[in-house]
Protein backbone atom coordinates (compact mmCIF):
# COMPACT_ATOMS: atom_id res chain seq x y z
CA MET A 1 16.85 9.98 -50.35
CA ARG A 2 17.57 9.72 -54.08
CA ASP A 3 21.06 9.31 -55.47
CA THR A 4 22.37 12.62 -56.78
CA VAL A 5 24.37 13.43 -59.88
CA VAL A 6 26.31 16.71 -59.94
CA LEU A 7 26.95 18.20 -63.38
CA HIS A 8 29.66 20.84 -63.78
CA PRO A 9 29.61 22.53 -67.21
CA GLY A 10 32.32 24.78 -68.53
CA LEU A 11 31.84 28.51 -68.98
CA GLY A 12 29.31 29.85 -71.43
CA VAL A 13 25.80 29.08 -72.62
CA CYS A 14 27.08 26.55 -75.17
CA HIS A 15 28.32 24.31 -72.33
CA LEU A 16 25.35 24.85 -70.06
CA LEU A 17 22.56 23.84 -72.45
CA PRO A 18 23.75 20.26 -73.18
CA MET A 19 24.14 19.72 -69.43
CA VAL A 20 20.53 20.81 -68.92
CA GLU A 21 19.43 18.27 -71.54
CA LEU A 22 21.59 15.58 -69.91
CA SER A 23 20.00 16.34 -66.56
CA GLY A 24 16.62 15.43 -68.06
CA LEU A 25 17.92 11.94 -68.90
CA PHE A 26 19.08 11.39 -65.33
CA LEU A 27 15.81 12.69 -63.90
CA ARG A 28 13.83 10.27 -66.05
CA HIS A 29 15.81 7.43 -64.50
CA GLY A 30 14.99 8.46 -60.95
CA LEU A 31 18.14 10.38 -60.04
CA ALA A 32 18.33 13.82 -58.47
CA VAL A 33 20.44 16.35 -60.39
CA THR A 34 22.38 19.43 -59.37
CA ILE A 35 24.07 21.63 -62.00
CA VAL A 36 26.97 23.55 -60.50
CA VAL A 37 27.88 26.70 -62.43
CA VAL A 38 30.61 29.25 -61.90
CA GLU A 39 29.55 32.76 -60.98
CA SER A 40 29.78 35.00 -64.05
CA PRO A 41 32.26 37.87 -64.09
CA ALA A 42 30.60 41.18 -63.28
CA ALA A 43 30.90 42.34 -66.88
CA SER A 44 29.03 39.30 -68.24
CA THR A 45 25.24 39.18 -68.09
CA ASP A 46 24.55 36.61 -70.83
CA ALA A 47 25.66 33.62 -68.78
CA SER A 48 23.81 34.64 -65.61
CA THR A 49 20.65 35.30 -67.64
CA ALA A 50 20.95 31.87 -69.29
CA VAL A 51 21.32 30.18 -65.90
CA ALA A 52 18.25 32.00 -64.56
CA ARG A 53 16.17 30.99 -67.59
CA ALA A 54 17.35 27.38 -67.42
CA ALA A 55 16.50 27.21 -63.72
CA GLU A 56 13.02 28.63 -64.32
CA ALA A 57 12.36 26.20 -67.17
CA ASN A 58 13.67 23.18 -65.22
CA PRO A 59 12.30 23.35 -61.67
CA SER A 60 13.21 19.69 -61.02
CA VAL A 61 16.92 20.49 -61.37
CA ASN A 62 18.84 22.15 -58.55
CA PHE A 63 21.14 24.92 -59.80
CA HIS A 64 24.02 25.88 -57.50
CA VAL A 65 26.19 28.93 -58.28
CA LEU A 66 29.78 28.83 -57.04
CA PRO A 67 30.85 32.23 -55.68
CA LEU A 68 34.30 33.25 -56.86
CA PRO A 69 36.87 34.67 -54.43
CA PRO A 70 37.71 38.34 -55.00
CA PRO A 71 40.40 38.87 -57.66
CA ASP A 72 43.98 39.42 -56.58
CA THR A 73 44.26 43.15 -57.22
CA THR A 74 48.01 43.00 -56.71
CA VAL A 75 48.22 41.11 -60.00
CA SER A 76 45.31 42.61 -61.95
CA PRO A 77 42.17 44.51 -60.96
CA GLU A 78 40.21 42.71 -63.69
CA PRO A 79 38.84 39.13 -63.67
CA PRO A 80 41.08 36.74 -65.65
CA SER A 81 40.29 36.50 -69.36
CA ASP A 82 41.71 32.97 -69.51
CA PRO A 83 38.71 30.62 -69.01
CA PHE A 84 40.92 28.04 -67.32
CA ALA A 85 42.11 30.63 -64.82
CA LEU A 86 38.51 31.56 -64.07
CA LEU A 87 37.52 27.93 -63.57
CA ARG A 88 40.56 27.37 -61.38
CA LEU A 89 39.34 30.13 -59.05
CA ALA A 90 36.23 27.99 -58.55
CA ASN A 91 38.14 24.83 -57.60
CA ALA A 92 38.11 25.48 -53.86
CA PRO A 93 34.39 26.36 -53.60
CA LEU A 94 33.57 23.41 -55.88
CA ARG A 95 35.52 21.04 -53.65
CA ASP A 96 33.81 22.40 -50.55
CA TYR A 97 30.39 22.03 -52.15
CA LEU A 98 31.02 18.43 -53.25
CA ARG A 99 32.19 17.55 -49.76
CA SER A 100 29.05 19.07 -48.27
CA VAL A 101 26.61 17.16 -50.48
CA ALA A 102 28.56 13.92 -51.07
CA PRO A 103 27.07 13.25 -54.53
CA SER A 104 26.78 9.74 -55.89
CA ALA A 105 28.44 10.80 -59.16
CA SER A 106 29.99 13.89 -60.68
CA VAL A 107 30.22 14.60 -64.40
CA ARG A 108 32.23 17.33 -66.14
CA ALA A 109 31.76 18.48 -69.70
CA LEU A 110 34.37 17.34 -72.24
CA PRO A 111 34.45 17.79 -76.02
CA ALA A 112 33.36 15.00 -78.32
CA ALA A 113 35.80 12.88 -80.30
CA SER A 114 38.12 15.48 -81.82
CA PRO A 115 41.77 15.84 -82.84
CA SER A 116 42.37 17.74 -79.60
CA ALA A 117 41.78 14.45 -77.77
CA CYS A 118 45.03 13.08 -79.24
CA PRO A 119 47.90 14.81 -77.38
CA HIS A 120 50.43 12.35 -78.76
CA LYS A 121 49.89 13.81 -82.24
CA GLN A 122 51.27 17.14 -81.04
CA ALA A 123 54.33 15.30 -79.77
CA GLU A 124 54.77 13.53 -83.13
CA VAL A 125 54.69 16.81 -85.06
CA ASN A 126 57.23 18.39 -82.65
CA ALA A 127 56.37 21.86 -83.94
CA SER A 128 53.55 24.34 -83.76
CA PHE A 129 50.75 23.34 -86.13
CA GLY A 130 50.78 26.89 -87.44
CA ASP A 131 54.37 26.45 -88.68
CA ILE A 132 53.99 23.32 -90.82
CA GLY A 133 52.23 24.75 -93.87
CA ASP A 134 49.10 23.39 -95.52
CA ALA A 135 49.97 19.69 -95.58
CA PRO A 136 46.88 17.73 -94.45
CA LEU A 137 46.89 16.46 -90.88
CA CYS A 138 45.57 12.96 -90.22
CA PHE A 139 44.16 12.17 -86.79
CA PRO A 140 42.45 8.91 -85.82
CA GLY A 141 38.82 8.71 -86.81
CA VAL A 142 38.40 12.12 -88.48
CA PRO A 143 38.74 13.30 -92.10
CA PRO A 144 42.08 14.89 -93.08
CA PHE A 145 42.19 18.63 -92.44
CA ILE A 146 44.67 21.48 -92.81
CA PRO A 147 46.28 23.14 -89.78
CA THR A 148 44.27 26.35 -90.17
CA ASP A 149 41.10 24.31 -89.55
CA LEU A 150 42.26 23.97 -85.94
CA PRO A 151 41.20 26.48 -83.27
CA GLU A 152 43.43 29.54 -83.36
CA ASN A 153 44.94 28.78 -79.96
CA ALA A 154 46.07 25.36 -81.22
CA LEU A 155 48.29 26.81 -83.94
CA ASP A 156 50.95 27.79 -81.38
CA ARG A 157 52.01 24.94 -79.14
CA ASP A 158 53.30 27.45 -76.59
CA ASN A 159 49.95 29.26 -76.37
CA LYS A 160 48.92 29.35 -72.71
CA VAL A 161 45.28 28.36 -73.27
CA TYR A 162 46.25 25.58 -75.72
CA ARG A 163 48.73 24.11 -73.26
CA LYS A 164 46.00 23.97 -70.62
CA PHE A 165 43.68 22.23 -73.06
CA MET A 166 46.41 19.68 -73.79
CA TYR A 167 46.99 19.14 -70.07
CA THR A 168 43.27 18.50 -69.62
CA PHE A 169 43.11 16.00 -72.48
CA GLU A 170 46.20 14.19 -71.23
CA ARG A 171 44.27 13.51 -68.01
CA VAL A 172 41.19 12.11 -69.77
CA PRO A 173 42.46 8.48 -69.67
CA ALA A 174 42.34 8.68 -65.86
CA CYS A 175 38.56 9.25 -65.95
CA HIS A 176 36.12 6.47 -65.12
CA GLY A 177 34.23 7.13 -68.36
CA ILE A 178 33.64 9.64 -71.15
CA LEU A 179 30.13 10.86 -71.93
CA VAL A 180 29.95 12.17 -75.50
CA ASN A 181 27.19 14.35 -76.94
CA THR A 182 26.86 12.43 -80.19
CA PHE A 183 25.37 9.18 -81.48
CA GLU A 184 27.29 6.25 -82.88
CA TRP A 185 25.92 6.37 -86.42
CA LEU A 186 26.99 9.99 -86.85
CA GLU A 187 30.60 9.63 -85.70
CA ALA A 188 31.22 5.92 -86.11
CA LYS A 189 34.87 6.27 -87.17
CA ALA A 190 35.78 8.69 -84.39
CA VAL A 191 34.05 6.62 -81.72
CA THR A 192 35.78 3.46 -82.94
CA ALA A 193 39.15 5.23 -82.85
CA LEU A 194 38.53 6.31 -79.26
CA ARG A 195 37.39 2.88 -78.10
CA ASP A 196 40.22 1.08 -79.89
CA GLY A 197 42.80 3.24 -78.11
CA ALA A 198 44.05 4.98 -81.25
CA CYS A 199 43.97 8.36 -79.46
CA VAL A 200 45.82 7.09 -76.39
CA PRO A 201 48.10 4.34 -77.73
CA ASP A 202 50.15 3.95 -74.56
CA ARG A 203 47.36 3.96 -71.95
CA PRO A 204 44.01 2.22 -71.49
CA THR A 205 41.02 4.21 -72.74
CA PRO A 206 38.06 4.65 -70.37
CA PRO A 207 34.62 3.48 -71.52
CA VAL A 208 33.06 5.82 -74.10
CA TYR A 209 29.30 6.42 -73.80
CA CYS A 210 27.59 8.16 -76.75
CA VAL A 211 24.36 9.53 -75.24
CA GLY A 212 23.34 12.23 -77.73
CA PRO A 213 22.13 14.15 -79.47
CA LEU A 214 21.42 16.24 -76.38
CA VAL A 215 19.41 19.06 -77.94
CA SER A 216 16.53 21.17 -76.74
CA GLY A 217 13.06 20.14 -77.79
CA GLY A 218 12.21 23.80 -78.25
CA GLY A 219 9.94 24.14 -75.24
CA GLU A 220 9.85 27.45 -73.38
CA VAL A 221 9.07 28.44 -69.83
CA LYS A 222 5.47 27.67 -68.83
CA ASN A 223 4.86 26.04 -72.22
CA THR A 224 4.46 29.41 -73.92
CA LYS A 225 5.10 29.63 -77.66
CA HIS A 226 7.00 32.52 -79.15
CA GLU A 227 5.21 34.40 -81.92
CA CYS A 228 8.04 33.64 -84.37
CA LEU A 229 7.22 29.91 -84.09
CA ALA A 230 3.62 30.57 -85.08
CA TRP A 231 4.91 32.46 -88.13
CA LEU A 232 7.25 29.59 -89.03
CA ASP A 233 4.42 27.06 -88.75
CA ALA A 234 2.48 29.06 -91.33
CA GLN A 235 5.24 28.91 -93.98
CA PRO A 236 5.46 26.30 -96.77
CA GLU A 237 7.60 23.29 -95.93
CA ASN A 238 11.36 23.69 -96.66
CA SER A 239 10.92 27.38 -97.49
CA VAL A 240 12.77 29.06 -94.59
CA VAL A 241 16.52 29.52 -94.07
CA LEU A 242 17.52 29.84 -90.40
CA LEU A 243 20.49 32.06 -89.58
CA CYS A 244 22.26 30.59 -86.53
CA PHE A 245 25.58 31.85 -85.20
CA GLY A 246 25.42 30.69 -81.60
CA SER A 247 25.76 32.55 -78.33
CA MET A 248 29.02 34.33 -79.24
CA GLY A 249 28.85 34.83 -83.00
CA SER A 250 28.77 38.39 -84.33
CA PHE A 251 29.36 40.18 -87.63
CA PRO A 252 30.10 43.69 -88.82
CA LYS A 253 27.20 45.56 -90.44
CA LYS A 254 28.67 45.05 -93.92
CA GLN A 255 28.53 41.28 -93.52
CA LEU A 256 25.02 41.24 -92.06
CA GLU A 257 23.81 43.08 -95.13
CA ALA A 258 25.25 40.32 -97.36
CA MET A 259 23.66 37.23 -95.80
CA PHE A 260 21.62 33.34 -94.14
CA VAL A 261 23.20 29.30 -92.20
CA THR A 262 25.24 27.87 -89.13
CA HIS A 263 28.55 28.70 -87.47
CA CYS A 264 29.11 24.94 -86.97
CA GLY A 265 29.05 25.03 -83.20
CA TRP A 266 28.39 21.48 -82.03
CA ASN A 267 25.08 22.33 -80.36
CA SER A 268 23.81 23.96 -83.55
CA VAL A 269 25.06 21.08 -85.68
CA LEU A 270 23.19 18.54 -83.55
CA GLU A 271 20.06 20.68 -83.55
CA GLY A 272 20.18 20.80 -87.36
CA ILE A 273 20.67 17.05 -87.60
CA ALA A 274 17.85 16.36 -85.14
CA ALA A 275 15.60 18.58 -87.28
CA GLY A 276 16.65 16.88 -90.53
CA VAL A 277 17.79 20.06 -92.25
CA PRO A 278 20.90 20.55 -94.43
CA LEU A 279 23.56 22.91 -93.12
CA LEU A 280 25.26 25.86 -94.80
CA CYS A 281 28.55 25.83 -92.92
CA TRP A 282 30.12 29.16 -91.95
CA PRO A 283 32.58 28.52 -89.07
CA LEU A 284 33.73 31.43 -86.92
CA TYR A 285 35.94 30.32 -84.01
CA ALA A 286 36.95 27.52 -81.62
CA GLU A 287 36.55 24.01 -83.10
CA GLN A 288 33.96 25.08 -85.67
CA ARG A 289 36.23 24.68 -88.71
CA LEU A 290 36.87 21.09 -87.72
CA ASN A 291 33.13 20.55 -87.33
CA LYS A 292 32.70 22.02 -90.82
CA VAL A 293 35.18 19.51 -92.26
CA PHE A 294 33.28 16.66 -90.64
CA MET A 295 29.80 17.81 -91.69
CA VAL A 296 30.81 18.52 -95.30
CA GLU A 297 33.26 15.72 -96.03
CA GLU A 298 32.22 12.79 -93.86
CA ALA A 299 28.62 13.16 -92.70
CA ARG A 300 27.82 14.97 -95.99
CA VAL A 301 24.86 16.86 -94.56
CA GLY A 302 26.31 20.32 -95.16
CA VAL A 303 28.05 22.52 -97.73
CA GLU A 304 30.79 25.06 -97.12
CA MET A 305 30.11 28.77 -97.53
CA ALA A 306 33.05 29.83 -99.69
CA GLY A 307 35.01 32.79 -98.40
CA TYR A 308 34.13 32.39 -94.72
CA ASP A 309 37.81 32.95 -93.86
CA ARG A 310 37.98 36.24 -95.76
CA GLU A 311 36.76 39.67 -94.70
CA VAL A 312 33.28 39.32 -96.17
CA VAL A 313 31.28 36.48 -97.72
CA THR A 314 29.50 38.05 -100.66
CA ALA A 315 25.73 38.21 -100.98
CA GLU A 316 26.11 36.41 -104.32
CA GLU A 317 27.81 33.47 -102.62
CA VAL A 318 25.13 33.32 -99.93
CA GLU A 319 22.36 33.40 -102.55
CA ALA A 320 24.05 30.76 -104.72
CA LYS A 321 24.51 28.34 -101.82
CA VAL A 322 20.99 28.86 -100.48
CA ARG A 323 19.46 28.33 -103.93
CA GLY A 324 21.69 25.30 -104.46
CA VAL A 325 20.56 23.66 -101.24
CA MET A 326 16.88 24.45 -101.81
CA ASP A 327 16.50 23.95 -105.59
CA SER A 328 19.32 21.88 -107.16
CA ASP A 329 19.72 18.11 -107.57
CA ASP A 330 22.72 18.22 -105.22
CA GLY A 331 20.61 20.12 -102.72
CA ARG A 332 17.86 17.51 -102.88
CA ALA A 333 20.43 14.77 -102.26
CA LEU A 334 21.74 16.78 -99.33
CA ARG A 335 18.25 17.04 -97.86
CA VAL A 336 17.74 13.29 -98.25
CA ARG A 337 20.93 12.61 -96.29
CA ALA A 338 19.89 15.13 -93.65
CA MET A 339 16.57 13.30 -93.20
CA VAL A 340 18.41 9.98 -92.88
CA ALA A 341 20.60 11.52 -90.17
CA LYS A 342 17.48 12.74 -88.37
CA GLU A 343 15.96 9.26 -88.44
CA LYS A 344 19.19 7.74 -87.11
CA ALA A 345 19.29 10.33 -84.32
CA LEU A 346 15.73 9.48 -83.30
CA GLU A 347 16.49 5.76 -83.40
CA ALA A 348 19.53 6.28 -81.16
CA LEU A 349 17.46 8.02 -78.48
CA GLN A 350 14.53 5.62 -78.46
CA GLN A 351 14.32 2.67 -76.11
CA GLY A 352 16.75 0.04 -77.37
CA GLY A 353 18.69 2.62 -79.42
CA THR A 354 22.46 3.04 -79.11
CA SER A 355 22.35 6.28 -77.08
CA HIS A 356 19.58 4.97 -74.81
CA ASN A 357 21.52 1.77 -74.17
CA ALA A 358 24.76 3.72 -73.60
CA LEU A 359 23.11 5.73 -70.84
CA LEU A 360 21.82 2.56 -69.19
CA GLU A 361 25.31 1.06 -69.40
CA PHE A 362 26.78 4.22 -67.87
CA LEU A 363 24.32 4.13 -64.97
CA ALA A 364 24.97 0.43 -64.37
CA ASP A 365 28.75 0.98 -64.42
CA LEU A 366 28.32 3.67 -61.75
CA GLY A 367 26.38 1.22 -59.59
CA PHE A 368 22.91 2.67 -60.25
CA ASP A 369 21.46 -0.71 -61.20
CA ASP A 370 17.91 0.22 -60.15
CA CYS A 371 18.06 3.35 -62.32
CA ALA A 372 19.45 1.40 -65.27
CA SER A 373 16.45 -0.94 -65.15
CA HIS A 374 13.94 1.93 -65.66
């Protein structure tokens, strides 16, 4: 019987897809993989549809759905809107499942190197980040940023969701290791800061394994090819702008009429880098503003769409940035850097590359020596 790895992503398609890609790495090294997902609330169909499609496209992976207990109607007749509360409801069935299958290893999804991984910085500020003005914040390994670049929940240190995030990150040093969906060349400073203990100065830091970029190769179920891909293949090289706002991004009609472009979700960022294309950065929510700062100011493979934090980004701004990226000298330099990033990503994943070696090290550290030798 093969050793089994159980992967437990967070809620939402954006957490599921990298886990599916990670499962492919484990499968190639002779391990069995089960992805354990939480049953979607009745009102949500996107997540359940994504799980069904992922299962159909990856028959070698076992998908197990955790049934949630019925909600406590004495408190609220509706499922909890707090994602942590929803995940907490799944703790008991998750524990029972793990006991029943006795997996060789279990992996949960955690964000990449980010300011949120430095709880001691919140203690140093001793105030809500939303109350300290626009003075730049400096966290280990990342470019300076202003407080409003943080996720909205992080601006109030008493915010319930933010406090749960902080509690989670405070427990990270107790992990046996941290798998990060990145590659060392892309986030060299952040990875060094993590490994050197700069984010947890008073506790030992677990090993950090950069195994990315974990992005889809674009294949579809039964190797079918969508008609839009045939159309794209027929276009001149570097002539198409892709509009990408993730699984939760949405705009009012007025804004849709004005635009092209990425919301800076980490999956989309890595997909752009793996494809060697420059990014027009238009963050919407969560950690996307921080990703924008990194892509524009440190990696220098993207440009900011001015006005993204106002009611509407004008069509003139969209046109100017698109033309700049596609036609100007600065745009050509941006495309060159994007191609370099693509080459570095490919090198990292190839045999002997940093991400390939990190996965082998991770497997060996877990005791899967036979798998690590594949």
